[in-house]
Protein backbone atom coordinates (compact mmCIF):
# COMPACT_ATOMS: atom_id res chain seq x y z
CA UNK A 1 1.10 -32.50 31.33
CA UNK A 2 -1.90 -31.99 33.61
CA UNK A 3 -4.75 -34.35 34.31
CA UNK A 4 -6.43 -35.63 31.16
CA UNK A 5 -4.16 -33.84 28.70
CA UNK A 6 -3.70 -35.95 25.56
CA UNK A 7 -0.70 -33.91 24.33
CA UNK A 8 1.68 -31.37 25.89
CA UNK A 9 1.01 -27.65 26.09
CA UNK A 10 3.75 -25.50 24.55
CA UNK A 11 4.06 -21.72 25.02
CA UNK A 12 6.42 -19.73 22.80
CA UNK A 13 7.44 -16.70 24.86
CA UNK A 14 10.22 -15.12 26.86
CA UNK A 15 10.39 -15.68 30.62
CA UNK A 16 9.14 -12.14 31.13
CA UNK A 17 6.14 -12.61 28.84
CA UNK A 18 5.25 -15.93 30.47
CA UNK A 19 5.42 -14.39 33.96
CA UNK A 20 3.12 -11.59 32.81
CA UNK A 21 0.51 -14.01 31.43
CA UNK A 22 -2.66 -14.61 33.40
CA UNK A 23 -2.69 -18.07 35.01
CA UNK A 24 -5.81 -18.76 32.94
CA UNK A 25 -3.64 -18.91 29.81
CA UNK A 26 -1.82 -21.95 31.18
CA UNK A 27 -5.06 -23.59 32.28
CA UNK A 28 -6.75 -22.89 28.94
CA UNK A 29 -3.80 -24.27 26.99
CA UNK A 30 -4.00 -27.40 29.16
CA UNK A 31 -7.76 -27.67 28.62
CA UNK A 32 -7.32 -27.51 24.84
CA UNK A 33 -4.84 -30.37 25.10
CA UNK A 34 -7.66 -32.54 26.51
CA UNK A 35 -9.86 -32.32 23.41
CA UNK A 36 -10.40 -35.42 21.24
CA UNK A 37 -8.20 -35.88 18.20
CA UNK A 38 -5.70 -33.15 19.01
CA UNK A 39 -2.31 -33.68 17.33
CA UNK A 40 1.21 -32.96 18.66
CA UNK A 41 0.50 -30.17 21.17
CA UNK A 42 -1.66 -27.30 22.32
CA UNK A 43 0.30 -24.15 21.41
CA UNK A 44 0.21 -20.58 22.70
CA UNK A 45 1.87 -17.67 20.92
CA UNK A 46 3.97 -14.96 22.64
CA UNK A 47 0.99 -12.58 22.77
CA UNK A 48 -1.29 -15.14 24.44
CA UNK A 49 -3.86 -13.98 26.97
CA UNK A 50 -7.10 -15.25 28.44
CA UNK A 51 -9.93 -15.81 25.97
CA UNK A 52 -13.21 -17.66 25.59
CA UNK A 53 -12.35 -21.37 25.76
CA UNK A 54 -9.07 -21.26 23.85
CA UNK A 55 -6.55 -18.65 24.94
CA UNK A 56 -6.24 -15.78 22.49
CA UNK A 57 -3.02 -16.68 20.76
CA UNK A 58 -3.93 -20.38 20.90
CA UNK A 59 -3.18 -22.84 18.08
CA UNK A 60 -4.29 -26.46 17.87
CA UNK A 61 -4.73 -28.99 15.07
CA UNK A 62 -7.15 -31.90 15.00
CA UNK A 63 -7.24 -35.12 12.99
CA UNK A 64 -10.77 -35.81 11.73
CA UNK A 65 -9.95 -39.48 11.17
CA UNK A 66 -8.99 -39.89 14.83
CA UNK A 67 -12.22 -38.39 16.17
CA UNK A 68 -10.91 -34.86 15.99
CA UNK A 69 -13.22 -31.95 16.76
CA UNK A 70 -13.92 -28.45 15.54
CA UNK A 71 -14.48 -25.88 18.28
CA UNK A 72 -16.27 -22.58 17.84
CA UNK A 73 -14.34 -21.38 20.90
CA UNK A 74 -11.12 -22.29 19.09
CA UNK A 75 -11.98 -19.87 16.30
CA UNK A 76 -13.56 -17.08 18.32
CA UNK A 77 -16.41 -14.65 17.84
CA UNK A 78 -14.76 -12.21 15.41
CA UNK A 79 -14.24 -14.84 12.75
CA UNK A 80 -11.40 -14.02 10.33
CA UNK A 81 -10.56 -10.76 12.02
CA UNK A 82 -7.37 -9.83 10.19
CA UNK A 83 -4.99 -7.22 8.85
CA UNK A 84 -4.13 -6.06 5.35
CA UNK A 85 -1.39 -3.61 4.43
CA UNK A 86 -1.40 -1.26 1.44
CA UNK A 87 1.53 0.49 -0.20
CA UNK A 88 0.77 4.17 -0.94
CA UNK A 89 3.69 5.57 -2.94
CA UNK A 90 3.27 8.79 -0.95
CA UNK A 91 6.37 10.52 0.35
CA UNK A 92 6.67 11.55 4.00
CA UNK A 93 6.76 15.26 3.09
CA UNK A 94 3.64 14.92 0.95
CA UNK A 95 1.87 13.14 3.77
CA UNK A 96 2.79 15.80 6.33
CA UNK A 97 1.33 18.52 4.10
CA UNK A 98 -2.07 16.79 4.11
CA UNK A 99 -2.04 14.84 7.35
CA UNK A 100 -5.06 16.54 8.94
CA UNK A 101 -7.07 16.57 5.72
CA UNK A 102 -6.39 12.85 5.26
CA UNK A 103 -7.33 12.01 8.86
CA UNK A 104 -10.62 13.88 8.55
CA UNK A 105 -11.45 12.41 5.14
CA UNK A 106 -10.76 8.84 6.26
CA UNK A 107 -12.83 9.36 9.41
CA UNK A 108 -15.76 10.66 7.36
CA UNK A 109 -15.48 7.96 4.72
CA UNK A 110 -14.74 4.77 6.69
CA UNK A 111 -17.55 4.08 9.21
CA UNK A 112 -16.25 2.99 12.61
CA UNK A 113 -17.65 2.24 16.06
CA UNK A 114 -20.25 0.04 17.71
CA UNK A 115 -23.14 -0.67 15.34
CA UNK A 116 -21.58 1.36 12.55
CA UNK A 117 -23.22 0.98 9.14
CA UNK A 118 -22.03 1.96 5.69
CA UNK A 119 -23.32 2.81 2.25
CA UNK A 120 -23.30 -0.84 1.12
CA UNK A 121 -26.60 -2.61 1.83
CA UNK A 122 -27.03 -6.19 0.63
CA UNK A 123 -30.18 -7.89 -0.60
CA UNK A 124 -30.75 -11.53 0.36
CA UNK A 125 -29.29 -12.81 -2.90
CA UNK A 126 -26.31 -10.43 -2.63
CA UNK A 127 -25.69 -11.61 0.95
CA UNK A 128 -25.59 -15.23 -0.21
CA UNK A 129 -23.22 -14.39 -3.06
CA UNK A 130 -20.93 -12.45 -0.71
CA UNK A 131 -20.82 -15.28 1.84
CA UNK A 132 -19.84 -17.70 -0.92
CA UNK A 133 -17.48 -15.39 -2.82
CA UNK A 134 -15.56 -13.30 -0.28
CA UNK A 135 -13.13 -10.72 -1.61
CA UNK A 136 -13.48 -12.26 -5.07
CA UNK A 137 -17.19 -11.32 -4.96
CA UNK A 138 -16.28 -7.80 -3.85
CA UNK A 139 -13.86 -7.37 -6.77
CA UNK A 140 -16.56 -8.59 -9.17
CA UNK A 141 -18.80 -5.83 -7.77
CA UNK A 142 -16.16 -3.22 -8.55
CA UNK A 143 -14.51 -2.98 -5.12
CA UNK A 144 -10.84 -3.27 -5.96
CA UNK A 145 -8.75 -5.18 -8.47
CA UNK A 146 -8.15 -8.79 -9.44
CA UNK A 147 -4.49 -8.31 -8.46
CA UNK A 148 -5.62 -7.88 -4.85
CA UNK A 149 -6.80 -11.48 -4.72
CA UNK A 150 -3.34 -12.98 -5.30
CA UNK A 151 -2.13 -11.12 -2.19
CA UNK A 152 -5.00 -12.35 0.00
CA UNK A 153 -5.14 -15.64 1.90
CA UNK A 154 -7.18 -18.24 0.01
CA UNK A 155 -6.89 -15.88 -2.99
CA UNK A 156 -9.77 -13.95 -1.54
CA UNK A 157 -12.33 -16.76 -1.39
CA UNK A 158 -12.55 -19.45 1.28
CA UNK A 159 -13.68 -22.69 -0.33
CA UNK A 160 -16.29 -24.83 1.38
CA UNK A 161 -18.50 -21.97 2.57
CA UNK A 162 -22.15 -22.92 3.06
CA UNK A 163 -24.23 -19.73 3.23
CA UNK A 164 -27.33 -21.79 4.09
CA UNK A 165 -25.64 -22.66 7.42
CA UNK A 166 -25.71 -18.96 8.39
CA UNK A 167 -28.86 -17.98 10.29
CA UNK A 168 -31.26 -15.26 9.27
CA UNK A 169 -30.35 -13.30 12.41
CA UNK A 170 -26.63 -13.37 11.53
CA UNK A 171 -27.43 -12.23 7.98
CA UNK A 172 -29.66 -9.45 9.27
CA UNK A 173 -26.90 -8.14 11.56
CA UNK A 174 -24.51 -7.89 8.61
CA UNK A 175 -26.86 -6.46 5.99
CA UNK A 176 -25.71 -2.84 6.45
CA UNK A 177 -22.28 -3.41 8.02
CA UNK A 178 -20.16 -4.16 4.94
CA UNK A 179 -17.35 -1.67 4.47
CA UNK A 180 -17.19 -0.77 8.18
CA UNK A 181 -14.45 -1.12 10.79
CA UNK A 182 -16.59 -1.80 13.83
CA UNK A 183 -15.31 -1.27 17.36
CA UNK A 184 -12.87 -2.77 19.85
CA UNK A 185 -9.30 -3.10 18.63
CA UNK A 186 -10.19 -2.54 14.98
CA UNK A 187 -8.63 0.35 13.11
CA UNK A 188 -7.38 1.90 9.90
CA UNK A 189 -3.90 3.31 10.44
CA UNK A 190 -1.53 5.30 8.26
CA UNK A 191 2.04 4.33 9.13
CA UNK A 192 5.64 5.12 8.29
CA UNK A 193 8.22 2.37 7.80
CA UNK A 194 10.55 3.28 10.63
CA UNK A 195 13.11 0.46 10.48
CA UNK A 196 14.12 -2.35 8.15
CA UNK A 197 15.53 -5.55 9.70
CA UNK A 198 15.89 -7.74 6.60
CA UNK A 199 16.79 -5.79 3.45
CA UNK A 200 16.45 -8.79 1.13
CA UNK A 201 12.92 -9.71 2.18
CA UNK A 202 11.90 -6.05 2.43
CA UNK A 203 12.90 -5.61 -1.21
CA UNK A 204 10.76 -8.60 -2.23
CA UNK A 205 7.89 -7.10 -0.23
CA UNK A 206 8.56 -3.70 -1.94
CA UNK A 207 8.92 -1.79 1.33
CA UNK A 208 11.67 0.65 2.23
CA UNK A 209 12.48 2.99 5.11
CA UNK A 210 10.18 6.02 5.35
CA UNK A 211 7.59 4.51 3.01
CA UNK A 212 4.02 5.40 3.93
CA UNK A 213 1.68 2.41 4.21
CA UNK A 214 -1.90 1.89 5.37
CA UNK A 215 -3.00 -0.99 7.57
CA UNK A 216 -6.64 -2.09 7.89
CA UNK A 217 -7.65 -4.27 10.85
CA UNK A 218 -11.21 -5.61 11.02
CA UNK A 219 -13.26 -8.78 10.65
CA UNK A 220 -16.69 -10.28 10.06
CA UNK A 221 -18.54 -7.82 12.31
CA UNK A 222 -21.97 -8.81 13.64
CA UNK A 223 -22.30 -11.84 11.37
CA UNK A 224 -19.23 -13.57 12.75
CA UNK A 225 -20.23 -12.82 16.33
CA UNK A 226 -23.71 -14.23 15.79
CA UNK A 227 -22.36 -17.40 14.20
CA UNK A 228 -19.99 -17.93 17.14
CA UNK A 229 -22.76 -17.34 19.67
CA UNK A 230 -25.25 -19.70 18.04
CA UNK A 231 -22.90 -22.59 17.34
CA UNK A 232 -21.18 -22.44 20.73
CA UNK A 233 -24.58 -22.87 22.37
CA UNK A 234 -25.53 -25.77 20.10
CA UNK A 235 -22.15 -27.47 20.55
CA UNK A 236 -22.35 -27.17 24.34
CA UNK A 237 -25.80 -28.73 24.36
CA UNK A 238 -24.68 -31.55 22.04
CA UNK A 239 -21.33 -32.46 23.63
CA UNK A 240 -22.65 -35.19 25.92
CA UNK A 241 -24.49 -36.82 23.01
CA UNK A 242 -21.19 -37.06 21.16
CA UNK A 243 -19.54 -38.61 24.22
CA UNK A 244 -17.32 -35.57 24.71
CA UNK A 245 -16.41 -34.68 28.30
CA UNK A 246 -15.62 -30.98 28.14
CA UNK A 247 -12.95 -29.71 30.56
CA UNK A 248 -14.58 -26.28 30.16
CA UNK A 249 -18.02 -25.52 28.73
CA UNK A 250 -16.44 -22.70 26.73
CA UNK A 251 -14.52 -25.36 24.77
CA UNK A 252 -17.80 -26.57 23.25
CA UNK A 253 -17.01 -28.56 20.12
CA UNK A 254 -18.33 -31.21 17.76
CA UNK A 255 -16.67 -34.06 15.86
CA UNK A 256 -15.45 -32.80 12.50
CA UNK A 257 -17.31 -35.58 10.70
CA UNK A 258 -20.60 -34.89 12.51
CA UNK A 259 -23.46 -33.01 10.87
CA UNK A 260 -23.08 -30.24 13.45
CA UNK A 261 -19.33 -29.99 12.87
CA UNK A 262 -19.86 -29.74 9.11
CA UNK A 263 -22.59 -27.12 9.49
CA UNK A 264 -20.34 -25.01 11.69
CA UNK A 265 -17.45 -25.28 9.23
CA UNK A 266 -19.75 -24.16 6.42
CA UNK A 267 -20.97 -21.18 8.44
CA UNK A 268 -17.46 -20.32 9.70
CA UNK A 269 -16.07 -20.36 6.15
CA UNK A 270 -18.91 -18.08 5.09
CA UNK A 271 -17.87 -15.67 7.86
CA UNK A 272 -14.26 -15.81 6.62
CA UNK A 273 -15.57 -14.73 3.22
CA UNK A 274 -17.54 -11.95 4.89
CA UNK A 275 -14.39 -10.63 6.57
CA UNK A 276 -12.38 -10.85 3.35
CA UNK A 277 -15.12 -8.99 1.46
CA UNK A 278 -15.35 -6.39 4.22
CA UNK A 279 -11.63 -5.61 4.12
CA UNK A 280 -11.76 -5.54 0.31
CA UNK A 281 -14.57 -2.96 0.31
CA UNK A 282 -12.74 -0.83 2.89
CA UNK A 283 -9.64 -1.04 0.68
CA UNK A 284 -11.62 0.30 -2.29
CA UNK A 285 -13.06 3.15 -0.19
CA UNK A 286 -9.59 3.95 1.17
CA UNK A 287 -8.14 4.18 -2.33
CA UNK A 288 -10.86 6.59 -3.39
CA UNK A 289 -10.42 8.75 -0.29
CA UNK A 290 -6.61 8.91 -0.43
CA UNK A 291 -6.66 9.66 -4.16
CA UNK A 292 -9.15 12.47 -3.53
CA UNK A 293 -7.08 14.05 -0.77
CA UNK A 294 -3.88 13.95 -2.84
CA UNK A 295 -5.56 15.00 -6.07
CA UNK A 296 -4.38 12.11 -8.21
CA UNK A 297 -5.24 8.48 -8.86
CA UNK A 298 -3.18 6.40 -6.43
CA UNK A 299 -3.15 2.63 -6.90
CA UNK A 300 -2.37 1.67 -3.27
CA UNK A 301 -1.37 -1.92 -4.19
CA UNK A 302 -1.88 -4.61 -1.58
CA UNK A 303 1.14 -6.08 0.21
CA UNK A 304 -0.86 -8.90 1.80
CA UNK A 305 -4.00 -9.75 3.78
CA UNK A 306 -3.83 -12.18 6.71
CA UNK A 307 -6.63 -13.63 8.82
CA UNK A 308 -6.77 -14.49 12.50
CA UNK A 309 -9.55 -16.51 14.17
CA UNK A 310 -9.97 -19.33 11.69
CA UNK A 311 -10.04 -23.09 11.33
CA UNK A 312 -8.45 -24.21 8.07
CA UNK A 313 -7.82 -27.61 6.51
CA UNK A 314 -4.07 -27.84 5.84
CA UNK A 315 -1.44 -30.46 5.14
CA UNK A 316 1.39 -30.69 7.66
CA UNK A 317 4.16 -33.18 8.29
CA UNK A 318 3.93 -34.62 11.79
CA UNK A 319 6.93 -36.79 12.55
CA UNK A 320 7.56 -38.36 9.16
CA UNK A 321 3.91 -38.48 8.18
CA UNK A 322 1.99 -36.02 6.00
CA UNK A 323 -1.37 -35.37 7.60
CA UNK A 324 -4.49 -33.42 6.68
CA UNK A 325 -5.47 -31.44 9.76
CA UNK A 326 -8.05 -28.89 10.88
CA UNK A 327 -5.82 -26.11 12.25
CA UNK A 328 -7.48 -23.72 14.70
CA UNK A 329 -5.78 -20.34 15.02
CA UNK A 330 -7.42 -18.03 17.54
CA UNK A 331 -5.66 -14.70 17.70
CA UNK A 332 -2.83 -16.20 15.68
CA UNK A 333 -1.55 -15.64 12.15
CA UNK A 334 -0.81 -18.21 9.46
CA UNK A 335 2.91 -17.96 8.67
CA UNK A 336 3.86 -20.20 5.76
CA UNK A 337 7.58 -20.38 5.04
CA UNK A 338 9.46 -19.86 1.77
CA UNK A 339 8.35 -21.81 -1.32
CA UNK A 340 5.00 -22.79 0.12
CA UNK A 341 2.65 -23.58 -2.79
CA UNK A 342 -0.11 -21.29 -1.49
CA UNK A 343 2.06 -18.17 -1.82
CA UNK A 344 2.11 -15.98 -4.95
CA UNK A 345 5.19 -16.57 -7.07
CA UNK A 346 6.78 -13.19 -6.35
CA UNK A 347 6.69 -13.87 -2.58
CA UNK A 348 7.74 -17.53 -2.54
CA UNK A 349 11.42 -16.84 -1.93
CA UNK A 350 10.64 -14.63 1.08
CA UNK A 351 7.86 -16.57 2.78
CA UNK A 352 4.43 -15.29 3.70
CA UNK A 353 4.11 -11.73 4.99
CA UNK A 354 2.97 -11.83 8.61
CA UNK A 355 1.32 -8.56 9.66
CA UNK A 356 1.48 -7.82 13.38
CA UNK A 357 -0.77 -5.02 14.58
CA UNK A 358 0.41 -2.94 17.49
CA UNK A 359 -1.80 -1.27 20.04
CA UNK A 360 -2.98 2.24 19.26
CA UNK A 361 -0.01 4.60 19.31
CA UNK A 362 2.70 1.92 19.26
CA UNK A 363 4.65 0.09 16.58
CA UNK A 364 3.30 -2.54 14.21
CA UNK A 365 5.50 -5.05 12.39
CA UNK A 366 5.89 -6.87 9.12
CA UNK A 367 7.37 -10.34 9.60
CA UNK A 368 8.00 -13.24 7.23
CA UNK A 369 7.11 -16.88 7.75
CA UNK A 370 10.07 -19.24 8.13
CA UNK A 371 10.78 -22.76 6.97
CA UNK A 372 11.34 -23.69 10.60
CA UNK A 373 7.91 -22.28 11.43
CA UNK A 374 6.32 -24.79 9.07
CA UNK A 375 7.55 -27.54 11.37
CA UNK A 376 6.50 -26.00 14.69
CA UNK A 377 3.07 -24.74 15.70
CA UNK A 378 1.69 -25.59 12.26
CA UNK A 379 3.21 -22.54 10.55
CA UNK A 380 1.63 -20.07 12.96
CA UNK A 381 2.81 -16.85 14.58
CA UNK A 382 1.53 -14.16 16.93
CA UNK A 383 -1.02 -11.62 15.69
CA UNK A 384 -0.50 -8.54 17.84
CA UNK A 385 0.65 -7.23 21.19
CA UNK A 386 -1.95 -9.04 23.29
CA UNK A 387 -3.88 -7.37 26.08
CA UNK A 388 -2.18 -6.81 29.43
CA UNK A 389 -5.40 -5.75 31.19
CA UNK A 390 -9.13 -5.95 30.61
CA UNK A 391 -11.08 -3.23 28.87
CA UNK A 392 -12.91 -2.50 32.11
CA UNK A 393 -9.63 -2.03 33.97
CA UNK A 394 -8.33 0.21 31.19
CA UNK A 395 -11.31 2.58 31.46
CA UNK A 396 -10.59 2.95 35.18
CA UNK A 397 -6.97 3.91 34.50
CA UNK A 398 -7.24 6.14 31.42
CA UNK A 399 -9.57 8.77 30.00
CA UNK A 400 -10.05 8.75 26.23
CA UNK A 401 -9.62 12.49 25.76
CA UNK A 402 -6.28 12.45 27.57
CA UNK A 403 -5.07 9.48 25.50
CA UNK A 404 -5.95 11.35 22.29
CA UNK A 405 -4.19 14.52 23.49
CA UNK A 406 -1.09 12.63 24.65
CA UNK A 407 -0.77 10.88 21.29
CA UNK A 408 -1.31 14.16 19.42
CA UNK A 409 1.68 15.60 21.27
CA UNK A 410 3.70 12.68 19.88
CA UNK A 411 2.54 13.52 16.36
CA UNK A 412 -0.10 10.75 16.15
CA UNK A 413 -3.60 11.84 15.13
CA UNK A 414 -6.55 9.80 16.42
CA UNK A 415 -10.09 9.96 15.06
CA UNK A 416 -12.80 7.94 16.83
CA UNK A 417 -16.52 8.18 17.59
CA UNK A 418 -15.98 6.88 21.15
CA UNK A 419 -13.77 8.28 23.91
CA UNK A 420 -14.62 5.22 26.01
CA UNK A 421 -13.38 3.02 23.17
CA UNK A 422 -10.13 5.00 23.11
CA UNK A 423 -9.65 4.42 26.85
CA UNK A 424 -10.31 0.70 26.43
CA UNK A 425 -7.63 0.55 23.74
CA UNK A 426 -5.04 2.79 25.42
CA UNK A 427 -1.47 1.76 24.50
CA UNK A 428 -0.71 0.87 28.11
CA UNK A 429 -3.51 -1.73 28.14
CA UNK A 430 -1.40 -3.94 25.87
CA UNK A 431 1.85 -5.84 26.16
CA UNK A 432 5.06 -4.56 24.59
CA UNK A 433 4.59 -5.56 20.95
CA UNK A 434 8.35 -5.41 20.32
CA UNK A 435 8.95 -7.98 23.06
CA UNK A 436 6.25 -10.20 21.57
CA UNK A 437 7.77 -9.97 18.08
CA UNK A 438 11.28 -10.61 19.39
CA UNK A 439 10.02 -13.75 21.14
CA UNK A 440 8.36 -14.96 17.93
CA UNK A 441 11.63 -14.49 16.06
CA UNK A 442 13.72 -16.26 18.69
CA UNK A 443 11.31 -19.19 18.61
CA UNK A 444 11.66 -19.44 14.84
CA UNK A 445 7.97 -18.77 14.18
CA UNK A 446 8.69 -15.79 11.91
CA UNK A 447 11.48 -13.31 11.20
CA UNK A 448 11.39 -9.54 11.51
CA UNK A 449 11.30 -7.56 8.28
CA UNK A 450 10.15 -4.03 9.14
CA UNK A 451 8.79 -1.89 11.96
CA UNK A 452 5.89 0.46 11.22
CA UNK A 453 5.27 3.65 13.19
CA UNK A 454 1.77 5.17 13.53
CA UNK A 455 1.02 8.57 12.00
CA UNK A 456 -2.78 8.66 12.15
CA UNK A 457 -5.39 6.17 13.27
CA UNK A 458 -9.12 5.81 12.64
CA UNK A 459 -10.34 3.87 15.65
CA UNK A 460 -13.62 2.05 16.24
């Protein structure tokens, strides 16, 4: 415990991963532990690294009845950035025959990069309906199937969204960005199941060795970023009026029961719906493209869709007491264990699929939430490899063209509108995702089910 910490800080990681973490991770975890109404501990996942306010990989829960707060910095700017994984039913030999054609078709059909826009343009009334309806709205518009919603967190629609709490500027930024990947670490990747660790759970998840799957990683684009920017500023300006002494201005927050806290929650939930709708539209486009390349109608059913960068109201047992808490997960994945009531019936015995994205050119993983994980860190797990160096440092060490050529020699095709973006996301700029996943399993946060190997990647 340091200084004014109200609860301990707990980091789930191996000694090696902890030693490799920036000192700011420890300080940020300690700062989070100083916020009003925090319960149990300030947690950091094995992939934790420095972020804005909260560490990326930070988890904290707050009790509204004890003066608990909601923090825009505890959710992040890319609200509900997440991953969904699609089965394809395509054999490895079939894929190899059309690898290049598929890479080119996906690159043409799924807009990616800074400021990318798509074919979907929303009117004001459509924007409001999307912010309230999420993936459920997208399915109603013909983007996908009702069955997709059962395999999506919140069944595709985050309750409690208040579209009126989203500014005109945020809406304007998103008007033409639906169905786009964006930039940074976002991607669409075709992958092969390279290894199965738990045959029983893999069978329940309907994945087997050498299956071809598609992972989609993106979020709420410009809308989420604008919401984060606006509310962080307002929370910072209002903190003193609420009697909150911030250990770091970046931890700007507001009492959950305050008007500002409620407005932010309404806007943040709207952004979650935006991200869910965005991934749903990309899923629909992907199905059309893949079916066209392979000359037949392929269903590409959804395994699951998980969100990172959220604050959700959940019930958790703390000590012997059931509590309703506002759980912040920033760069962390919800990981409910077996038999959780929010899981679809066919997945209850296995626990929630936890989708861990690797860095470009390295492995990704499918994990399963554990019963033990429900009791520690509020049923949360890591979300990816976690950066080992800044984007600026990465561009000084690697050139995008060379990264693309090196990966091509390993049989991994990359398509991207930005060579600088490729350099920023070079595999070496990230931690070892396998070490991160192993640490999560040893801590009991989630268990390994399958390792996914990249075949082609559309990169923002």
